[in-house]
PDB file of N, CA and C in Angstrom:
ATOM      1  N   MET A   1      97.033  60.559 190.972  1.00  0.00           N
ATOM      2  CA  MET A   1      96.660  60.027 189.675  1.00  0.00           C
ATOM      3  C   MET A   1      95.158  60.199 189.422  1.00  0.00           C
ATOM      4  N   PHE A   2      94.343  59.809 190.424  1.00  0.00           N
ATOM      5  CA  PHE A   2      92.901  59.916 190.255  1.00  0.00           C
ATOM      6  C   PHE A   2      92.446  61.367 190.201  1.00  0.00           C
ATOM      7  N   SER A   3      93.114  62.231 190.938  1.00  0.00           N
ATOM      8  CA  SER A   3      92.722  63.643 190.924  1.00  0.00           C
ATOM      9  C   SER A   3      93.019  64.291 189.572  1.00  0.00           C
ATOM     10  N   VAL A   4      94.090  63.868 188.927  1.00  0.00           N
ATOM     11  CA  VAL A   4      94.413  64.382 187.594  1.00  0.00           C
ATOM     12  C   VAL A   4      93.366  63.908 186.591  1.00  0.00           C
ATOM     13  N   LEU A   5      92.970  62.673 186.720  1.00  0.00           N
ATOM     14  CA  LEU A   5      91.938  62.119 185.832  1.00  0.00           C
ATOM     15  C   LEU A   5      90.603  62.829 186.037  1.00  0.00           C
ATOM     16  N   ARG A   6      90.239  63.077 187.288  1.00  0.00           N
ATOM     17  CA  ARG A   6      89.001  63.808 187.575  1.00  0.00           C
ATOM     18  C   ARG A   6      89.048  65.222 186.997  1.00  0.00           C
ATOM     19  N   LEU A   7      90.169  65.883 187.147  1.00  0.00           N
ATOM     20  CA  LEU A   7      90.328  67.232 186.614  1.00  0.00           C
ATOM     21  C   LEU A   7      90.190  67.235 185.094  1.00  0.00           C
ATOM     22  N   LEU A   8      90.780  66.270 184.439  1.00  0.00           N
ATOM     23  CA  LEU A   8      90.691  66.164 182.978  1.00  0.00           C
ATOM     24  C   LEU A   8      89.250  65.929 182.528  1.00  0.00           C
ATOM     25  N   ILE A   9      88.537  65.049 183.204  1.00  0.00           N
ATOM     26  CA  ILE A   9      87.138  64.775 182.859  1.00  0.00           C
ATOM     27  C   ILE A   9      86.286  66.017 183.105  1.00  0.00           C
ATOM     28  N   PHE A  10      86.521  66.701 184.213  1.00  0.00           N
ATOM     29  CA  PHE A  10      85.781  67.921 184.535  1.00  0.00           C
ATOM     30  C   PHE A  10      85.995  68.984 183.454  1.00  0.00           C
ATOM     31  N   CYS A  11      87.221  69.177 183.015  1.00  0.00           N
ATOM     32  CA  CYS A  11      87.520  70.173 181.973  1.00  0.00           C
ATOM     33  C   CYS A  11      86.849  69.824 180.652  1.00  0.00           C
ATOM     34  N   CYS A  12      86.835  68.544 180.320  1.00  0.00           N
ATOM     35  CA  CYS A  12      86.172  68.121 179.076  1.00  0.00           C
ATOM     36  C   CYS A  12      84.666  68.348 179.149  1.00  0.00           C
ATOM     37  N   CYS A  13      84.076  68.103 180.303  1.00  0.00           N
ATOM     38  CA  CYS A  13      82.631  68.319 180.464  1.00  0.00           C
ATOM     39  C   CYS A  13      82.284  69.789 180.356  1.00  0.00           C
ATOM     40  N   ILE A  14      83.103  70.640 180.946  1.00  0.00           N
ATOM     41  CA  ILE A  14      82.857  72.079 180.861  1.00  0.00           C
ATOM     42  C   ILE A  14      83.002  72.549 179.417  1.00  0.00           C
ATOM     43  N   GLN A  15      84.003  72.075 178.724  1.00  0.00           N
ATOM     44  CA  GLN A  15      84.219  72.451 177.328  1.00  0.00           C
ATOM     45  C   GLN A  15      83.012  72.070 176.483  1.00  0.00           C
ATOM     46  N   ALA A  16      82.489  70.882 176.681  1.00  0.00           N
ATOM     47  CA  ALA A  16      81.355  70.419 175.877  1.00  0.00           C
ATOM     48  C   ALA A  16      80.074  71.163 176.221  1.00  0.00           C
ATOM     49  N   SER A  17      79.926  71.583 177.459  1.00  0.00           N
ATOM     50  CA  SER A  17      78.677  72.230 177.850  1.00  0.00           C
ATOM     51  C   SER A  17      78.539  73.646 177.308  1.00  0.00           C
ATOM     52  N   TYR A  18      79.623  74.259 176.889  1.00  0.00           N
ATOM     53  CA  TYR A  18      79.562  75.621 176.371  1.00  0.00           C
ATOM     54  C   TYR A  18      79.568  75.678 174.847  1.00  0.00           C
ATOM     55  N   ALA A  19      79.667  74.548 174.198  1.00  0.00           N
ATOM     56  CA  ALA A  19      79.739  74.529 172.749  1.00  0.00           C
ATOM     57  C   ALA A  19      78.384  74.866 172.140  1.00  0.00           C
ATOM     58  N   GLN A  20      78.405  75.348 170.923  1.00  0.00           N
ATOM     59  CA  GLN A  20      77.189  75.780 170.251  1.00  0.00           C
ATOM     60  C   GLN A  20      77.032  75.064 168.912  1.00  0.00           C
ATOM     61  N   LYS A  21      77.167  73.764 168.913  1.00  0.00           N
ATOM     62  CA  LYS A  21      76.929  72.985 167.708  1.00  0.00           C
ATOM     63  C   LYS A  21      75.450  72.630 167.694  1.00  0.00           C
ATOM     64  N   ILE A  22      74.766  73.066 166.660  1.00  0.00           N
ATOM     65  CA  ILE A  22      73.312  72.996 166.609  1.00  0.00           C
ATOM     66  C   ILE A  22      72.862  72.085 165.473  1.00  0.00           C
ATOM     67  N   PHE A  23      71.835  71.291 165.759  1.00  0.00           N
ATOM     68  CA  PHE A  23      71.199  70.470 164.733  1.00  0.00           C
ATOM     69  C   PHE A  23      69.735  70.881 164.647  1.00  0.00           C
ATOM     70  N   SER A  24      69.261  71.103 163.453  1.00  0.00           N
ATOM     71  CA  SER A  24      67.878  71.501 163.227  1.00  0.00           C
ATOM     72  C   SER A  24      67.036  70.256 162.972  1.00  0.00           C
ATOM     73  N   THR A  25      66.083  69.994 163.860  1.00  0.00           N
ATOM     74  CA  THR A  25      65.235  68.812 163.739  1.00  0.00           C
ATOM     75  C   THR A  25      64.009  69.101 162.874  1.00  0.00           C
ATOM     76  N   SER A  26      63.377  68.043 162.435  1.00  0.00           N
ATOM     77  CA  SER A  26      62.163  68.177 161.627  1.00  0.00           C
ATOM     78  C   SER A  26      60.898  68.172 162.471  1.00  0.00           C
ATOM     79  N   TYR A  27      61.011  67.682 163.698  1.00  0.00           N
ATOM     80  CA  TYR A  27      59.846  67.554 164.566  1.00  0.00           C
ATOM     81  C   TYR A  27      60.125  68.179 165.930  1.00  0.00           C
ATOM     82  N   ALA A  28      59.118  68.807 166.503  1.00  0.00           N
ATOM     83  CA  ALA A  28      59.265  69.516 167.781  1.00  0.00           C
ATOM     84  C   ALA A  28      59.620  68.576 168.928  1.00  0.00           C
ATOM     85  N   ASN A  29      59.100  67.356 168.903  1.00  0.00           N
ATOM     86  CA  ASN A  29      59.371  66.439 170.014  1.00  0.00           C
ATOM     87  C   ASN A  29      60.800  65.899 170.016  1.00  0.00           C
ATOM     88  N   GLN A  30      61.550  66.118 168.957  1.00  0.00           N
ATOM     89  CA  GLN A  30      62.954  65.700 168.907  1.00  0.00           C
ATOM     90  C   GLN A  30      63.901  66.781 169.410  1.00  0.00           C
ATOM     91  N   ALA A  31      63.397  67.971 169.626  1.00  0.00           N
ATOM     92  CA  ALA A  31      64.250  69.125 169.926  1.00  0.00           C
ATOM     93  C   ALA A  31      64.432  69.352 171.417  1.00  0.00           C
ATOM     94  N   ASP A  32      65.585  69.937 171.745  1.00  0.00           N
ATOM     95  CA  ASP A  32      65.836  70.410 173.105  1.00  0.00           C
ATOM     96  C   ASP A  32      65.213  71.788 173.305  1.00  0.00           C
ATOM     97  N   ILE A  33      65.238  72.595 172.247  1.00  0.00           N
ATOM     98  CA  ILE A  33      64.733  73.968 172.300  1.00  0.00           C
ATOM     99  C   ILE A  33      63.880  74.238 171.076  1.00  0.00           C
ATOM    100  N   LYS A  34      62.762  74.925 171.283  1.00  0.00           N
ATOM    101  CA  LYS A  34      61.943  75.388 170.163  1.00  0.00           C
ATOM    102  C   LYS A  34      62.273  76.854 169.929  1.00  0.00           C
ATOM    103  N   VAL A  35      62.586  77.184 168.680  1.00  0.00           N
ATOM    104  CA  VAL A  35      63.114  78.498 168.331  1.00  0.00           C
ATOM    105  C   VAL A  35      62.224  79.143 167.273  1.00  0.00           C
ATOM    106  N   PHE A  36      62.055  80.455 167.401  1.00  0.00           N
ATOM    107  CA  PHE A  36      61.343  81.227 166.387  1.00  0.00           C
ATOM    108  C   PHE A  36      62.275  82.336 165.909  1.00  0.00           C
ATOM    109  N   VAL A  37      62.360  82.522 164.594  1.00  0.00           N
ATOM    110  CA  VAL A  37      63.198  83.571 164.015  1.00  0.00           C
ATOM    111  C   VAL A  37      62.341  84.820 163.836  1.00  0.00           C
ATOM    112  N   VAL A  38      62.724  85.893 164.530  1.00  0.00           N
ATOM    113  CA  VAL A  38      61.981  87.149 164.470  1.00  0.00           C
ATOM    114  C   VAL A  38      62.506  88.024 163.334  1.00  0.00           C
ATOM    115  N   LYS A  39      61.705  89.025 162.951  1.00  0.00           N
ATOM    116  CA  LYS A  39      62.062  89.898 161.830  1.00  0.00           C
ATOM    117  C   LYS A  39      63.006  91.025 162.218  1.00  0.00           C
ATOM    118  N   TYR A  40      62.960  91.437 163.488  1.00  0.00           N
ATOM    119  CA  TYR A  40      63.739  92.598 163.918  1.00  0.00           C
ATOM    120  C   TYR A  40      64.592  92.246 165.135  1.00  0.00           C
ATOM    121  N   PRO A  41      65.788  92.790 165.232  1.00  0.00           N
ATOM    122  CA  PRO A  41      66.690  92.434 166.339  1.00  0.00           C
ATOM    123  C   PRO A  41      66.167  92.811 167.721  1.00  0.00           C
ATOM    124  N   ASN A  42      65.350  93.843 167.815  1.00  0.00           N
ATOM    125  CA  ASN A  42      64.846  94.241 169.136  1.00  0.00           C
ATOM    126  C   ASN A  42      63.777  93.296 169.672  1.00  0.00           C
ATOM    127  N   GLN A  43      63.295  92.358 168.840  1.00  0.00           N
ATOM    128  CA  GLN A  43      62.318  91.365 169.273  1.00  0.00           C
ATOM    129  C   GLN A  43      62.978  90.093 169.790  1.00  0.00           C
ATOM    130  N   ALA A  44      64.278  89.954 169.601  1.00  0.00           N
ATOM    131  CA  ALA A  44      64.984  88.703 169.868  1.00  0.00           C
ATOM    132  C   ALA A  44      65.440  88.571 171.315  1.00  0.00           C
ATOM    133  N   ASP A  45      65.519  87.320 171.753  1.00  0.00           N
ATOM    134  CA  ASP A  45      66.167  86.991 173.020  1.00  0.00           C
ATOM    135  C   ASP A  45      67.662  86.797 172.795  1.00  0.00           C
ATOM    136  N   LEU A  46      68.001  86.310 171.597  1.00  0.00           N
ATOM    137  CA  LEU A  46      69.394  86.024 171.247  1.00  0.00           C
ATOM    138  C   LEU A  46      69.635  86.421 169.802  1.00  0.00           C
ATOM    139  N   LYS A  47      70.722  87.124 169.558  1.00  0.00           N
ATOM    140  CA  LYS A  47      71.154  87.423 168.193  1.00  0.00           C
ATOM    141  C   LYS A  47      72.202  86.379 167.823  1.00  0.00           C
ATOM    142  N   VAL A  48      71.950  85.671 166.728  1.00  0.00           N
ATOM    143  CA  VAL A  48      72.767  84.523 166.336  1.00  0.00           C
ATOM    144  C   VAL A  48      73.551  84.827 165.066  1.00  0.00           C
ATOM    145  N   TYR A  49      74.813  84.412 165.080  1.00  0.00           N
ATOM    146  CA  TYR A  49      75.656  84.480 163.892  1.00  0.00           C
ATOM    147  C   TYR A  49      76.038  83.056 163.509  1.00  0.00           C
ATOM    148  N   LYS A  50      75.808  82.685 162.256  1.00  0.00           N
ATOM    149  CA  LYS A  50      76.172  81.350 161.774  1.00  0.00           C
ATOM    150  C   LYS A  50      77.649  81.350 161.396  1.00  0.00           C
ATOM    151  N   VAL A  51      78.440  80.545 162.090  1.00  0.00           N
ATOM    152  CA  VAL A  51      79.875  80.468 161.807  1.00  0.00           C
ATOM    153  C   VAL A  51      80.142  79.395 160.761  1.00  0.00           C
ATOM    154  N   ALA A  52      81.281  79.507 160.108  1.00  0.00           N
ATOM    155  CA  ALA A  52      81.619  78.589 159.024  1.00  0.00           C
ATOM    156  C   ALA A  52      82.281  77.300 159.513  1.00  0.00           C
ATOM    157  N   TYR A  53      82.935  77.359 160.679  1.00  0.00           N
ATOM    158  CA  TYR A  53      83.680  76.209 161.184  1.00  0.00           C
ATOM    159  C   TYR A  53      83.285  75.920 162.626  1.00  0.00           C
ATOM    160  N   SER A  54      83.304  74.650 163.002  1.00  0.00           N
ATOM    161  CA  SER A  54      82.854  74.257 164.339  1.00  0.00           C
ATOM    162  C   SER A  54      83.719  74.821 165.456  1.00  0.00           C
ATOM    163  N   ASN A  55      85.002  75.029 165.202  1.00  0.00           N
ATOM    164  CA  ASN A  55      85.868  75.562 166.262  1.00  0.00           C
ATOM    165  C   ASN A  55      85.615  77.044 166.540  1.00  0.00           C
ATOM    166  N   GLN A  56      84.825  77.710 165.717  1.00  0.00           N
ATOM    167  CA  GLN A  56      84.451  79.103 165.964  1.00  0.00           C
ATOM    168  C   GLN A  56      83.224  79.207 166.869  1.00  0.00           C
ATOM    169  N   ALA A  57      82.599  78.097 167.149  1.00  0.00           N
ATOM    170  CA  ALA A  57      81.355  78.083 167.929  1.00  0.00           C
ATOM    171  C   ALA A  57      81.625  77.833 169.401  1.00  0.00           C
ATOM    172  N   LYS A  58      82.542  78.555 169.987  1.00  0.00           N
ATOM    173  CA  LYS A  58      82.870  78.406 171.404  1.00  0.00           C
ATOM    174  C   LYS A  58      82.099  79.432 172.217  1.00  0.00           C
ATOM    175  N   GLY A  59      81.795  79.067 173.428  1.00  0.00           N
ATOM    176  CA  GLY A  59      81.107  79.978 174.327  1.00  0.00           C
ATOM    177  C   GLY A  59      79.618  80.045 174.048  1.00  0.00           C
ATOM    178  N   ASN A  60      78.916  80.668 174.942  1.00  0.00           N
ATOM    179  CA  ASN A  60      77.468  80.808 174.816  1.00  0.00           C
ATOM    180  C   ASN A  60      77.144  82.247 174.431  1.00  0.00           C
ATOM    181  N   GLU A  61      77.691  82.677 173.319  1.00  0.00           N
ATOM    182  CA  GLU A  61      77.553  84.075 172.893  1.00  0.00           C
ATOM    183  C   GLU A  61      76.790  84.245 171.593  1.00  0.00           C
ATOM    184  N   GLY A  62      76.156  83.189 171.111  1.00  0.00           N
ATOM    185  CA  GLY A  62      75.333  83.309 169.915  1.00  0.00           C
ATOM    186  C   GLY A  62      76.025  82.952 168.616  1.00  0.00           C
ATOM    187  N   ASN A  63      77.221  82.383 168.678  1.00  0.00           N
ATOM    188  CA  ASN A  63      77.894  81.894 167.471  1.00  0.00           C
ATOM    189  C   ASN A  63      77.533  80.425 167.314  1.00  0.00           C
ATOM    190  N   TRP A  64      76.696  80.129 166.326  1.00  0.00           N
ATOM    191  CA  TRP A  64      76.193  78.779 166.134  1.00  0.00           C
ATOM    192  C   TRP A  64      76.799  78.152 164.899  1.00  0.00           C
ATOM    193  N   TYR A  65      77.117  76.870 165.024  1.00  0.00           N
ATOM    194  CA  TYR A  65      77.567  76.065 163.901  1.00  0.00           C
ATOM    195  C   TYR A  65      76.538  74.957 163.697  1.00  0.00           C
ATOM    196  N   PHE A  66      75.946  74.904 162.533  1.00  0.00           N
ATOM    197  CA  PHE A  66      74.927  73.897 162.232  1.00  0.00           C
ATOM    198  C   PHE A  66      75.584  72.639 161.688  1.00  0.00           C
ATOM    199  N   VAL A  67      75.317  71.518 162.348  1.00  0.00           N
ATOM    200  CA  VAL A  67      75.884  70.231 161.948  1.00  0.00           C
ATOM    201  C   VAL A  67      74.859  69.448 161.133  1.00  0.00           C
ATOM    202  N   ASN A  68      75.329  68.432 160.439  1.00  0.00           N
ATOM    203  CA  ASN A  68      74.465  67.641 159.560  1.00  0.00           C
ATOM    204  C   ASN A  68      73.767  66.482 160.263  1.00  0.00           C
ATOM    205  N   TYR A  69      74.320  66.042 161.381  1.00  0.00           N
ATOM    206  CA  TYR A  69      73.780  64.876 162.082  1.00  0.00           C
ATOM    207  C   TYR A  69      73.534  65.212 163.549  1.00  0.00           C
ATOM    208  N   SER A  70      72.464  64.668 164.098  1.00  0.00           N
ATOM    209  CA  SER A  70      72.083  65.006 165.472  1.00  0.00           C
ATOM    210  C   SER A  70      73.106  64.533 166.504  1.00  0.00           C
ATOM    211  N   ASN A  71      73.808  63.440 166.224  1.00  0.00           N
ATOM    212  CA  ASN A  71      74.790  62.954 167.190  1.00  0.00           C
ATOM    213  C   ASN A  71      76.046  63.834 167.252  1.00  0.00           C
ATOM    214  N   GLN A  72      76.214  64.744 166.320  1.00  0.00           N
ATOM    215  CA  GLN A  72      77.337  65.680 166.344  1.00  0.00           C
ATOM    216  C   GLN A  72      76.997  66.951 167.108  1.00  0.00           C
ATOM    217  N   SER A  73      75.743  67.125 167.451  1.00  0.00           N
ATOM    218  CA  SER A  73      75.300  68.399 168.031  1.00  0.00           C
ATOM    219  C   SER A  73      75.331  68.383 169.548  1.00  0.00           C
ATOM    220  N   ASP A  74      75.358  69.592 170.090  1.00  0.00           N
ATOM    221  CA  ASP A  74      75.218  69.774 171.530  1.00  0.00           C
ATOM    222  C   ASP A  74      73.785  70.140 171.882  1.00  0.00           C
ATOM    223  N   LYS A  75      73.101  70.788 170.970  1.00  0.00           N
ATOM    224  CA  LYS A  75      71.691  71.141 171.154  1.00  0.00           C
ATOM    225  C   LYS A  75      70.937  70.887 169.861  1.00  0.00           C
ATOM    226  N   LYS A  76      69.717  70.386 170.015  1.00  0.00           N
ATOM    227  CA  LYS A  76      68.836  70.185 168.871  1.00  0.00           C
ATOM    228  C   LYS A  76      67.733  71.231 168.949  1.00  0.00           C
ATOM    229  N   VAL A  77      67.514  71.918 167.852  1.00  0.00           N
ATOM    230  CA  VAL A  77      66.490  72.969 167.830  1.00  0.00           C
ATOM    231  C   VAL A  77      65.437  72.656 166.774  1.00  0.00           C
ATOM    232  N   TYR A  78      64.249  73.147 167.059  1.00  0.00           N
ATOM    233  CA  TYR A  78      63.149  73.048 166.109  1.00  0.00           C
ATOM    234  C   TYR A  78      62.683  74.468 165.832  1.00  0.00           C
ATOM    235  N   PHE A  79      62.620  74.832 164.564  1.00  0.00           N
ATOM    236  CA  PHE A  79      62.178  76.161 164.171  1.00  0.00           C
ATOM    237  C   PHE A  79      60.657  76.157 164.025  1.00  0.00           C
ATOM    238  N   THR A  80      59.985  76.887 164.902  1.00  0.00           N
ATOM    239  CA  THR A  80      58.522  76.930 164.914  1.00  0.00           C
ATOM    240  C   THR A  80      57.997  77.932 163.885  1.00  0.00           C
ATOM    241  N   GLN A  81      56.732  77.783 163.549  1.00  0.00           N
ATOM    242  CA  GLN A  81      56.091  78.711 162.623  1.00  0.00           C
ATOM    243  C   GLN A  81      55.461  79.896 163.345  1.00  0.00           C
ATOM    244  N   TYR A  82      55.195  79.710 164.637  1.00  0.00           N
ATOM    245  CA  TYR A  82      54.512  80.757 165.402  1.00  0.00           C
ATOM    246  C   TYR A  82      55.330  81.121 166.637  1.00  0.00           C
ATOM    247  N   ILE A  83      55.326  82.397 166.963  1.00  0.00           N
ATOM    248  CA  ILE A  83      56.149  82.910 168.056  1.00  0.00           C
ATOM    249  C   ILE A  83      55.725  82.363 169.419  1.00  0.00           C
ATOM    250  N   ASN A  84      54.433  82.091 169.593  1.00  0.00           N
ATOM    251  CA  ASN A  84      53.968  81.605 170.892  1.00  0.00           C
ATOM    252  C   ASN A  84      54.333  80.153 171.164  1.00  0.00           C
ATOM    253  N   GLN A  85      54.843  79.433 170.172  1.00  0.00           N
ATOM    254  CA  GLN A  85      55.284  78.054 170.357  1.00  0.00           C
ATOM    255  C   GLN A  85      56.749  77.968 170.771  1.00  0.00           C
ATOM    256  N   ALA A  86      57.460  79.061 170.703  1.00  0.00           N
ATOM    257  CA  ALA A  86      58.912  79.047 170.883  1.00  0.00           C
ATOM    258  C   ALA A  86      59.331  79.244 172.328  1.00  0.00           C
ATOM    259  N   ASP A  87      60.432  78.588 172.680  1.00  0.00           N
ATOM    260  CA  ASP A  87      61.097  78.817 173.965  1.00  0.00           C
ATOM    261  C   ASP A  87      62.059  80.001 173.856  1.00  0.00           C
ATOM    262  N   LEU A  88      62.587  80.195 172.656  1.00  0.00           N
ATOM    263  CA  LEU A  88      63.626  81.198 172.431  1.00  0.00           C
ATOM    264  C   LEU A  88      63.379  81.906 171.110  1.00  0.00           C
ATOM    265  N   LYS A  89      63.473  83.230 171.116  1.00  0.00           N
ATOM    266  CA  LYS A  89      63.338  84.021 169.886  1.00  0.00           C
ATOM    267  C   LYS A  89      64.730  84.464 169.465  1.00  0.00           C
ATOM    268  N   ILE A  90      65.060  84.185 168.202  1.00  0.00           N
ATOM    269  CA  ILE A  90      66.394  84.548 167.716  1.00  0.00           C
ATOM    270  C   ILE A  90      66.290  85.444 166.488  1.00  0.00           C
ATOM    271  N   TYR A  91      67.377  86.138 166.244  1.00  0.00           N
ATOM    272  CA  TYR A  91      67.513  86.972 165.056  1.00  0.00           C
ATOM    273  C   TYR A  91      68.892  86.688 164.483  1.00  0.00           C
ATOM    274  N   PHE A  92      68.968  86.355 163.194  1.00  0.00           N
ATOM    275  CA  PHE A  92      70.253  86.080 162.560  1.00  0.00           C
ATOM    276  C   PHE A  92      70.918  87.389 162.132  1.00  0.00           C
ATOM    277  N   VAL A  93      72.151  87.585 162.584  1.00  0.00           N
ATOM    278  CA  VAL A  93      72.912  88.792 162.267  1.00  0.00           C
ATOM    279  C   VAL A  93      73.947  88.490 161.188  1.00  0.00           C
ATOM    280  N   ASN A  94      74.491  89.544 160.583  1.00  0.00           N
ATOM    281  CA  ASN A  94      75.435  89.391 159.479  1.00  0.00           C
ATOM    282  C   ASN A  94      76.891  89.342 159.913  1.00  0.00           C
ATOM    283  N   TYR A  95      77.181  89.800 161.124  1.00  0.00           N
ATOM    284  CA  TYR A  95      78.565  89.858 161.602  1.00  0.00           C
ATOM    285  C   TYR A  95      78.659  89.252 162.993  1.00  0.00           C
ATOM    286  N   SER A  96      79.774  88.584 163.285  1.00  0.00           N
ATOM    287  CA  SER A  96      79.928  87.891 164.564  1.00  0.00           C
ATOM    288  C   SER A  96      79.943  88.834 165.757  1.00  0.00           C
ATOM    289  N   ASN A  97      80.400  90.065 165.568  1.00  0.00           N
ATOM    290  CA  ASN A  97      80.430  90.998 166.702  1.00  0.00           C
ATOM    291  C   ASN A  97      79.042  91.516 167.073  1.00  0.00           C
ATOM    292  N   GLN A  98      78.044  91.242 166.247  1.00  0.00           N
ATOM    293  CA  GLN A  98      76.665  91.626 166.557  1.00  0.00           C
ATOM    294  C   GLN A  98      75.937  90.556 167.366  1.00  0.00           C
ATOM    295  N   ALA A  99      76.490  89.356 167.410  1.00  0.00           N
ATOM    296  CA  ALA A  99      75.847  88.240 168.106  1.00  0.00           C
ATOM    297  C   ALA A  99      75.923  88.434 169.611  1.00  0.00           C
ATOM    298  N   GLY A 100      74.912  87.931 170.303  1.00  0.00           N
ATOM    299  CA  GLY A 100      74.926  87.979 171.759  1.00  0.00           C
ATOM    300  C   GLY A 100      73.522  87.934 172.335  1.00  0.00           C
ATOM    301  N   TRP A 101      73.486  87.872 173.652  1.00  0.00           N
ATOM    302  CA  TRP A 101      72.222  87.760 174.371  1.00  0.00           C
ATOM    303  C   TRP A 101      71.593  89.111 174.599  1.00  0.00           C
ATOM    304  N   VAL A 102      70.300  89.185 174.348  1.00  0.00           N
ATOM    305  CA  VAL A 102      69.502  90.359 174.672  1.00  0.00           C
ATOM    306  C   VAL A 102      68.792  90.093 175.994  1.00  0.00           C
ATOM    307  N   GLN A 103      68.191  88.918 176.115  1.00  0.00           N
ATOM    308  CA  GLN A 103      67.525  88.475 177.345  1.00  0.00           C
ATOM    309  C   GLN A 103      68.418  87.443 178.031  1.00  0.00           C
ATOM    310  N   VAL A 104      69.236  87.893 178.947  1.00  0.00           N
ATOM    311  CA  VAL A 104      70.180  87.005 179.633  1.00  0.00           C
ATOM    312  C   VAL A 104      69.451  85.950 180.462  1.00  0.00           C
ATOM    313  N   SER A 105      68.229  86.211 180.852  1.00  0.00           N
ATOM    314  CA  SER A 105      67.461  85.256 181.658  1.00  0.00           C
ATOM    315  C   SER A 105      67.179  83.948 180.912  1.00  0.00           C
ATOM    316  N   LYS A 106      67.300  83.941 179.607  1.00  0.00           N
ATOM    317  CA  LYS A 106      67.058  82.727 178.818  1.00  0.00           C
ATOM    318  C   LYS A 106      68.350  82.024 178.417  1.00  0.00           C
ATOM    319  N   LYS A 107      69.452  82.486 178.950  1.00  0.00           N
ATOM    320  CA  LYS A 107      70.762  81.930 178.600  1.00  0.00           C
ATOM    321  C   LYS A 107      70.879  80.456 178.958  1.00  0.00           C
ATOM    322  N   HIS A 108      70.184  80.033 179.988  1.00  0.00           N
ATOM    323  CA  HIS A 108      70.255  78.629 180.433  1.00  0.00           C
ATOM    324  C   HIS A 108      69.697  77.648 179.390  1.00  0.00           C
ATOM    325  N   LEU A 109      68.896  78.111 178.476  1.00  0.00           N
ATOM    326  CA  LEU A 109      68.301  77.232 177.468  1.00  0.00           C
ATOM    327  C   LEU A 109      69.337  76.634 176.522  1.00  0.00           C
ATOM    328  N   VAL A 110      70.400  77.366 176.274  1.00  0.00           N
ATOM    329  CA  VAL A 110      71.391  76.927 175.291  1.00  0.00           C
ATOM    330  C   VAL A 110      72.605  76.266 175.936  1.00  0.00           C
ATOM    331  N   PHE A 111      72.696  76.251 177.255  1.00  0.00           N
ATOM    332  CA  PHE A 111      73.814  75.571 177.917  1.00  0.00           C
ATOM    333  C   PHE A 111      73.735  74.092 177.730  1.00  0.00           C
TER     334      PHE A 111
END
């Protein structure tokens, strides 16, 4: 009985840790990650596609769903004005198949 309960809790934790529900904060000190939007895809660490529904934001592959409230999010981001202030550089793409990591070494930031 206890092992089934542990397995269920473990699966729920793994599911939540890979989700990409994002909340955009107004202040840098409220954010988990500071992000800068670059002009060209070759400058980015991550190419991001904004999905229309939260259930499309599975996995850590750059499909982000922006939520309205911080308590609904898995990660809070702050969009910086300068590239040197950012932890992660992103580029917004037009199609979901274009989304993904360019710099895999920064993948841990969004987990």
